[in-house]
Amino acid sequence: MRSRIVTFIISLFLWVLLSFSLDLQHICIGIIVAFLVAYMMGDMFTNEPVKWFQLKRYFWFVFYLGVFIWECLKANIDVAIRVLHPKLPINPGIVRVKTSLKTETAITFLANSITLTPGTFSVDIDEEEGYLYIHWIDVKTKDIEEASRLIVNKFERILKEVFE
């Protein structure tokens, strides 16, 4: 029940923020939409809604966005160089990496961050064992620990602070 209330509050806040208006019509529609979102998806949002009222998580999320943009920029340049200079070697393959993240939301954010970074693509997730299978444009190592360090660790540390 608490997760639905938190989902309602966050949805209503985002509605008001994005509508750029505080008149009665917008707020009434926002309440209806936020209620529908909370009713349909409130249990999928979070298991511990109290965490969403901790301000430090929002600072870590802003930091995560900066790290993600930086890693995405570096990966874009790397892939662009490989495209423009076809003599550069590519060694595509699927590697297995280990994650210590436990919540579904954190693992989903990690997998999406990897997929949105050019040159890598999340193929599968083994939640029971904590492994992700990643297609990598230039496999530098097949060692699980080393591949995890190169692909996962830059996002994982921050996502732990945000979601766990």
Protein backbone atom coordinates (compact mmCIF):
# COMPACT_ATOMS: atom_id res chain seq x y z
CA MET A 1 0.00 0.00 0.00
CA ARG A 2 2.82 2.41 0.88
CA SER A 3 4.49 1.86 -2.49
CA ARG A 4 1.27 2.91 -4.23
CA ILE A 5 1.11 6.09 -2.14
CA VAL A 6 4.72 6.94 -2.97
CA THR A 7 4.05 6.20 -6.65
CA PHE A 8 1.01 8.50 -6.51
CA ILE A 9 3.00 11.33 -4.92
CA ILE A 10 5.91 11.03 -7.36
CA SER A 11 3.57 10.74 -10.37
CA LEU A 12 1.58 13.79 -9.29
CA PHE A 13 4.76 15.77 -8.68
CA LEU A 14 6.09 14.88 -12.13
CA TRP A 15 2.74 15.74 -13.71
CA VAL A 16 2.70 19.19 -12.13
CA LEU A 17 6.38 19.72 -12.98
CA LEU A 18 5.94 18.75 -16.63
CA SER A 19 2.62 20.50 -17.21
CA PHE A 20 4.10 23.90 -16.19
CA SER A 21 0.74 24.90 -14.78
CA LEU A 22 -0.90 25.03 -11.37
CA ASP A 23 -4.46 25.74 -12.45
CA LEU A 24 -7.31 23.57 -11.17
CA GLN A 25 -7.88 21.65 -14.43
CA HIS A 26 -4.29 20.49 -14.70
CA ILE A 27 -4.14 19.46 -11.07
CA CYS A 28 -7.44 17.52 -11.27
CA ILE A 29 -6.30 15.65 -14.36
CA GLY A 30 -2.91 15.08 -12.72
CA ILE A 31 -4.59 13.56 -9.67
CA ILE A 32 -6.62 11.20 -11.89
CA VAL A 33 -3.58 10.18 -13.94
CA ALA A 34 -1.38 9.76 -10.85
CA PHE A 35 -4.09 7.63 -9.22
CA LEU A 36 -4.31 5.39 -12.32
CA VAL A 37 -0.54 5.03 -12.48
CA ALA A 38 -0.35 4.22 -8.76
CA TYR A 39 -3.21 1.72 -9.02
CA MET A 40 -1.80 -0.11 -12.05
CA MET A 41 1.92 0.06 -11.36
CA GLY A 42 2.40 0.95 -7.71
CA ASP A 43 3.63 -2.48 -6.70
CA MET A 44 6.17 -2.54 -9.54
CA PHE A 45 7.83 0.73 -8.60
CA THR A 46 9.56 -0.13 -5.34
CA ASN A 47 9.46 -2.62 -2.49
CA GLU A 48 10.69 -0.11 0.07
CA PRO A 49 9.05 3.25 -0.67
CA VAL A 50 10.72 4.94 2.31
CA LYS A 51 14.00 4.91 0.34
CA TRP A 52 12.57 7.42 -2.13
CA PHE A 53 12.46 10.09 0.57
CA GLN A 54 16.23 9.95 1.17
CA LEU A 55 17.76 13.01 -0.46
CA LYS A 56 21.22 11.45 -0.92
CA ARG A 57 19.79 9.01 -3.47
CA TYR A 58 18.84 11.89 -5.75
CA PHE A 59 22.35 13.34 -5.56
CA TRP A 60 23.78 9.92 -6.46
CA PHE A 61 21.33 9.70 -9.38
CA VAL A 62 22.51 13.06 -10.72
CA PHE A 63 26.10 11.80 -10.37
CA TYR A 64 25.08 8.61 -12.20
CA LEU A 65 23.70 10.67 -15.08
CA GLY A 66 27.03 12.47 -15.41
CA VAL A 67 28.99 9.20 -15.39
CA PHE A 68 26.56 7.65 -17.89
CA ILE A 69 26.85 10.62 -20.28
CA TRP A 70 30.65 10.53 -20.04
CA GLU A 71 30.84 6.76 -20.66
CA CYS A 72 28.37 7.08 -23.53
CA LEU A 73 30.46 9.84 -25.11
CA LYS A 74 33.65 7.75 -24.83
CA ALA A 75 31.91 4.70 -26.31
CA ASN A 76 30.46 6.76 -29.18
CA ILE A 77 33.93 8.02 -30.08
CA ASP A 78 35.37 4.50 -29.90
CA VAL A 79 32.67 3.04 -32.17
CA ALA A 80 32.94 5.98 -34.59
CA ILE A 81 36.71 5.46 -34.88
CA ARG A 82 36.16 1.75 -35.56
CA VAL A 83 33.66 2.61 -38.29
CA LEU A 84 35.85 5.26 -39.91
CA HIS A 85 39.03 3.15 -39.73
CA PRO A 86 38.02 -0.35 -40.80
CA LYS A 87 41.55 -1.66 -40.20
CA LEU A 88 41.05 -1.31 -36.46
CA PRO A 89 40.34 -4.73 -35.06
CA ILE A 90 36.98 -5.72 -33.75
CA ASN A 91 36.58 -8.85 -31.76
CA PRO A 92 32.84 -9.24 -31.17
CA GLY A 93 31.54 -11.75 -28.70
CA ILE A 94 29.32 -12.41 -25.73
CA VAL A 95 30.85 -12.20 -22.28
CA ARG A 96 29.42 -13.06 -18.90
CA VAL A 97 29.78 -10.41 -16.21
CA LYS A 98 28.96 -10.55 -12.52
CA THR A 99 26.84 -8.00 -10.70
CA SER A 100 26.29 -7.64 -7.00
CA LEU A 101 23.08 -5.62 -7.43
CA LYS A 102 20.06 -7.29 -5.84
CA THR A 103 16.96 -5.27 -6.71
CA GLU A 104 15.19 -5.67 -10.03
CA THR A 105 15.18 -1.92 -10.60
CA ALA A 106 18.94 -1.61 -10.08
CA ILE A 107 19.68 -4.58 -12.36
CA THR A 108 17.36 -3.14 -15.02
CA PHE A 109 19.09 0.24 -14.82
CA LEU A 110 22.47 -1.48 -15.12
CA ALA A 111 21.40 -3.57 -18.13
CA ASN A 112 19.87 -0.53 -19.84
CA SER A 113 22.97 1.57 -19.14
CA ILE A 114 25.13 -1.09 -20.75
CA THR A 115 22.78 -1.39 -23.73
CA LEU A 116 22.60 2.37 -24.27
CA THR A 117 26.38 2.61 -24.30
CA PRO A 118 27.54 2.01 -27.90
CA GLY A 119 29.61 -1.12 -28.40
CA THR A 120 27.84 -3.14 -25.74
CA PHE A 121 24.42 -4.76 -25.61
CA SER A 122 22.74 -6.62 -22.74
CA VAL A 123 21.58 -9.96 -24.09
CA ASP A 124 20.35 -11.84 -21.02
CA ILE A 125 20.13 -11.60 -17.25
CA ASP A 126 20.53 -14.50 -14.85
CA GLU A 127 19.00 -13.02 -11.69
CA GLU A 128 19.51 -16.13 -9.55
CA GLU A 129 23.27 -16.21 -10.07
CA GLY A 130 23.75 -12.46 -10.60
CA TYR A 131 25.17 -12.64 -14.12
CA LEU A 132 24.53 -10.51 -17.19
CA TYR A 133 25.40 -11.66 -20.68
CA ILE A 134 26.76 -8.78 -22.75
CA HIS A 135 27.51 -8.60 -26.45
CA TRP A 136 30.74 -6.61 -26.70
CA ILE A 137 32.04 -5.16 -29.97
CA ASP A 138 35.66 -5.65 -28.94
CA VAL A 139 36.08 -8.39 -26.35
CA LYS A 140 39.20 -7.53 -24.40
CA THR A 141 38.93 -10.44 -21.98
CA LYS A 142 36.77 -13.47 -21.33
CA ASP A 143 37.61 -13.49 -17.63
CA ILE A 144 34.42 -12.77 -15.67
CA GLU A 145 36.08 -10.55 -13.05
CA GLU A 146 38.05 -8.49 -15.57
CA ALA A 147 35.08 -8.09 -17.94
CA SER A 148 32.92 -7.08 -14.97
CA ARG A 149 35.51 -4.48 -13.99
CA LEU A 150 35.63 -3.05 -17.52
CA ILE A 151 31.89 -3.03 -18.26
CA VAL A 152 29.85 -3.16 -15.05
CA ASN A 153 31.78 -1.56 -12.19
CA LYS A 154 31.61 2.03 -13.46
CA PHE A 155 27.80 1.96 -13.16
CA GLU A 156 27.30 -0.61 -10.41
CA ARG A 157 28.90 1.35 -7.55
CA ILE A 158 26.66 4.33 -8.18
CA LEU A 159 23.48 2.35 -8.79
CA LYS A 160 23.96 0.64 -5.41
CA GLU A 161 23.82 4.06 -3.76
CA VAL A 162 20.70 5.00 -5.71
CA PHE A 163 18.61 1.82 -5.50
CA GLU A 164 19.88 -0.35 -2.63
